[in-house]
C-alpha atoms as a PDB file:
ATOM      1  CA  UNK A   1     -43.912 -29.076  36.300  1.00  0.00           C
ATOM      2  CA  UNK A   2     -41.626 -26.533  34.667  1.00  0.00           C
ATOM      3  CA  UNK A   3     -43.163 -23.714  32.439  1.00  0.00           C
ATOM      4  CA  UNK A   4     -41.325 -21.880  29.629  1.00  0.00           C
ATOM      5  CA  UNK A   5     -40.925 -18.651  31.658  1.00  0.00           C
ATOM      6  CA  UNK A   6     -39.602 -20.275  34.883  1.00  0.00           C
ATOM      7  CA  UNK A   7     -35.928 -19.516  35.254  1.00  0.00           C
ATOM      8  CA  UNK A   8     -33.650 -22.218  36.686  1.00  0.00           C
ATOM      9  CA  UNK A   9     -30.739 -21.091  38.585  1.00  0.00           C
ATOM     10  CA  UNK A  10     -27.513 -21.764  37.023  1.00  0.00           C
ATOM     11  CA  UNK A  11     -24.231 -22.346  38.992  1.00  0.00           C
ATOM     12  CA  UNK A  12     -21.213 -21.062  37.064  1.00  0.00           C
ATOM     13  CA  UNK A  13     -18.007 -20.934  38.870  1.00  0.00           C
ATOM     14  CA  UNK A  14     -16.223 -17.534  38.175  1.00  0.00           C
ATOM     15  CA  UNK A  15     -13.301 -17.935  35.850  1.00  0.00           C
ATOM     16  CA  UNK A  16      -9.990 -18.019  37.680  1.00  0.00           C
ATOM     17  CA  UNK A  17      -6.929 -16.584  36.049  1.00  0.00           C
ATOM     18  CA  UNK A  18      -4.415 -19.263  36.542  1.00  0.00           C
ATOM     19  CA  UNK A  19      -1.334 -17.131  35.408  1.00  0.00           C
ATOM     20  CA  UNK A  20       1.362 -16.743  38.057  1.00  0.00           C
ATOM     21  CA  UNK A  21       2.462 -13.338  36.588  1.00  0.00           C
ATOM     22  CA  UNK A  22       0.450 -10.536  35.067  1.00  0.00           C
ATOM     23  CA  UNK A  23       0.538 -10.310  31.318  1.00  0.00           C
ATOM     24  CA  UNK A  24       1.312  -7.165  29.381  1.00  0.00           C
ATOM     25  CA  UNK A  25      -0.032  -6.198  25.954  1.00  0.00           C
ATOM     26  CA  UNK A  26       3.120  -5.708  24.005  1.00  0.00           C
ATOM     27  CA  UNK A  27       4.309  -6.517  20.367  1.00  0.00           C
ATOM     28  CA  UNK A  28       7.790  -8.231  20.598  1.00  0.00           C
ATOM     29  CA  UNK A  29       9.536  -9.987  17.700  1.00  0.00           C
ATOM     30  CA  UNK A  30       9.767 -13.758  18.333  1.00  0.00           C
ATOM     31  CA  UNK A  31      11.200 -16.525  16.411  1.00  0.00           C
ATOM     32  CA  UNK A  32       9.770 -19.996  17.294  1.00  0.00           C
ATOM     33  CA  UNK A  33      11.242 -23.324  16.370  1.00  0.00           C
ATOM     34  CA  UNK A  34       9.353 -26.474  17.219  1.00  0.00           C
ATOM     35  CA  UNK A  35      11.575 -29.013  18.884  1.00  0.00           C
ATOM     36  CA  UNK A  36      13.186 -31.184  16.289  1.00  0.00           C
ATOM     37  CA  UNK A  37      12.529 -28.766  13.408  1.00  0.00           C
ATOM     38  CA  UNK A  38      15.144 -26.440  12.024  1.00  0.00           C
ATOM     39  CA  UNK A  39      12.612 -24.134  10.222  1.00  0.00           C
ATOM     40  CA  UNK A  40      11.869 -20.910  12.238  1.00  0.00           C
ATOM     41  CA  UNK A  41       8.606 -18.992  12.339  1.00  0.00           C
ATOM     42  CA  UNK A  42       8.999 -15.282  12.649  1.00  0.00           C
ATOM     43  CA  UNK A  43       6.052 -13.812  14.582  1.00  0.00           C
ATOM     44  CA  UNK A  44       5.142 -11.270  17.167  1.00  0.00           C
ATOM     45  CA  UNK A  45       3.665 -11.578  20.676  1.00  0.00           C
ATOM     46  CA  UNK A  46       0.417  -9.927  21.498  1.00  0.00           C
ATOM     47  CA  UNK A  47       0.893 -10.597  25.295  1.00  0.00           C
ATOM     48  CA  UNK A  48       3.958 -11.147  27.356  1.00  0.00           C
ATOM     49  CA  UNK A  49       4.604 -12.095  31.029  1.00  0.00           C
ATOM     50  CA  UNK A  50       7.379 -13.566  33.161  1.00  0.00           C
ATOM     51  CA  UNK A  51       5.695 -16.965  32.730  1.00  0.00           C
ATOM     52  CA  UNK A  52       4.790 -16.927  28.924  1.00  0.00           C
ATOM     53  CA  UNK A  53       3.426 -15.192  25.920  1.00  0.00           C
ATOM     54  CA  UNK A  54       0.707 -15.373  23.205  1.00  0.00           C
ATOM     55  CA  UNK A  55       1.561 -15.212  19.561  1.00  0.00           C
ATOM     56  CA  UNK A  56      -0.794 -14.663  16.637  1.00  0.00           C
ATOM     57  CA  UNK A  57      -0.456 -17.341  13.920  1.00  0.00           C
ATOM     58  CA  UNK A  58      -2.993 -18.305  11.346  1.00  0.00           C
ATOM     59  CA  UNK A  59      -2.332 -22.052  11.617  1.00  0.00           C
ATOM     60  CA  UNK A  60      -1.623 -22.543  15.216  1.00  0.00           C
ATOM     61  CA  UNK A  61       0.653 -25.177  16.772  1.00  0.00           C
ATOM     62  CA  UNK A  62      -0.662 -28.312  18.508  1.00  0.00           C
ATOM     63  CA  UNK A  63      -1.009 -28.216  22.290  1.00  0.00           C
ATOM     64  CA  UNK A  64       1.804 -30.042  23.888  1.00  0.00           C
ATOM     65  CA  UNK A  65       4.543 -29.186  21.374  1.00  0.00           C
ATOM     66  CA  UNK A  66       7.864 -28.130  22.848  1.00  0.00           C
ATOM     67  CA  UNK A  67       9.380 -25.008  21.184  1.00  0.00           C
ATOM     68  CA  UNK A  68      12.446 -22.820  21.448  1.00  0.00           C
ATOM     69  CA  UNK A  69      11.584 -19.141  21.386  1.00  0.00           C
ATOM     70  CA  UNK A  70      13.901 -16.318  20.746  1.00  0.00           C
ATOM     71  CA  UNK A  71      12.586 -12.921  21.770  1.00  0.00           C
ATOM     72  CA  UNK A  72      14.163  -9.568  20.843  1.00  0.00           C
ATOM     73  CA  UNK A  73      13.713  -7.173  23.802  1.00  0.00           C
ATOM     74  CA  UNK A  74      14.900  -3.664  22.883  1.00  0.00           C
ATOM     75  CA  UNK A  75      17.328  -5.295  20.303  1.00  0.00           C
ATOM     76  CA  UNK A  76      18.595  -7.932  22.740  1.00  0.00           C
ATOM     77  CA  UNK A  77      17.860 -11.627  21.826  1.00  0.00           C
ATOM     78  CA  UNK A  78      16.920 -14.013  24.667  1.00  0.00           C
ATOM     79  CA  UNK A  79      16.303 -17.634  24.219  1.00  0.00           C
ATOM     80  CA  UNK A  80      13.632 -19.531  26.206  1.00  0.00           C
ATOM     81  CA  UNK A  81      12.298 -23.086  25.787  1.00  0.00           C
ATOM     82  CA  UNK A  82       8.560 -23.379  26.064  1.00  0.00           C
ATOM     83  CA  UNK A  83       5.482 -25.513  25.816  1.00  0.00           C
ATOM     84  CA  UNK A  84       2.384 -24.764  23.677  1.00  0.00           C
ATOM     85  CA  UNK A  85      -0.395 -24.670  26.200  1.00  0.00           C
ATOM     86  CA  UNK A  86      -3.457 -23.124  24.276  1.00  0.00           C
ATOM     87  CA  UNK A  87      -4.564 -23.256  20.639  1.00  0.00           C
ATOM     88  CA  UNK A  88      -7.123 -21.027  19.003  1.00  0.00           C
ATOM     89  CA  UNK A  89      -7.727 -21.895  15.423  1.00  0.00           C
ATOM     90  CA  UNK A  90      -6.979 -19.005  12.926  1.00  0.00           C
ATOM     91  CA  UNK A  91      -5.768 -16.832  15.830  1.00  0.00           C
ATOM     92  CA  UNK A  92      -2.795 -18.087  17.723  1.00  0.00           C
ATOM     93  CA  UNK A  93      -1.193 -19.978  20.586  1.00  0.00           C
ATOM     94  CA  UNK A  94      -0.276 -19.611  24.287  1.00  0.00           C
ATOM     95  CA  UNK A  95       3.172 -20.600  25.166  1.00  0.00           C
ATOM     96  CA  UNK A  96       4.303 -21.132  28.771  1.00  0.00           C
ATOM     97  CA  UNK A  97       7.979 -20.594  29.479  1.00  0.00           C
ATOM     98  CA  UNK A  98       9.861 -23.721  30.850  1.00  0.00           C
ATOM     99  CA  UNK A  99      13.422 -22.992  30.782  1.00  0.00           C
ATOM    100  CA  UNK A 100      15.538 -19.852  30.300  1.00  0.00           C
ATOM    101  CA  UNK A 101      19.008 -19.951  28.548  1.00  0.00           C
ATOM    102  CA  UNK A 102      21.780 -17.797  29.873  1.00  0.00           C
ATOM    103  CA  UNK A 103      20.659 -14.414  31.229  1.00  0.00           C
ATOM    104  CA  UNK A 104      17.218 -14.675  29.456  1.00  0.00           C
ATOM    105  CA  UNK A 105      15.224 -14.675  32.756  1.00  0.00           C
ATOM    106  CA  UNK A 106      16.836 -11.531  34.465  1.00  0.00           C
ATOM    107  CA  UNK A 107      16.716  -9.607  30.956  1.00  0.00           C
ATOM    108  CA  UNK A 108      12.986 -10.463  30.613  1.00  0.00           C
ATOM    109  CA  UNK A 109      12.380  -9.351  34.120  1.00  0.00           C
ATOM    110  CA  UNK A 110      13.993  -6.026  33.515  1.00  0.00           C
ATOM    111  CA  UNK A 111      12.213  -5.523  30.319  1.00  0.00           C
ATOM    112  CA  UNK A 112       8.837  -6.110  32.038  1.00  0.00           C
ATOM    113  CA  UNK A 113       9.808  -3.925  34.932  1.00  0.00           C
ATOM    114  CA  UNK A 114      10.483  -1.093  32.605  1.00  0.00           C
ATOM    115  CA  UNK A 115       7.058  -1.610  30.935  1.00  0.00           C
ATOM    116  CA  UNK A 116       5.195  -1.477  34.193  1.00  0.00           C
ATOM    117  CA  UNK A 117       7.054   1.539  35.470  1.00  0.00           C
ATOM    118  CA  UNK A 118       6.698   3.397  32.221  1.00  0.00           C
END
């Protein structure tokens, strides 16, 4: 018999951070184009890492959409293809970076290294 004041143990696994790279709270200008759509959305990141970013957007994109992202890092534009992996209504989207164009990856790495060492 269970009484109202009896406490039942609950087993909750600790949340595991699945990110391969640490994220940094930084506001970077970003232009996102959904694959197959020519209309850009100009936004800002709230978090940025070697593996992805988070952007605030009032009407978030659907999870699974492929996007092209152009980020301006200290005035230098880099282009990255990504995938929307999280969606938070009236707040934003998490985007994982899938493919880097040109020297985008080393440029991003240098930018983040400066943030870490500042």
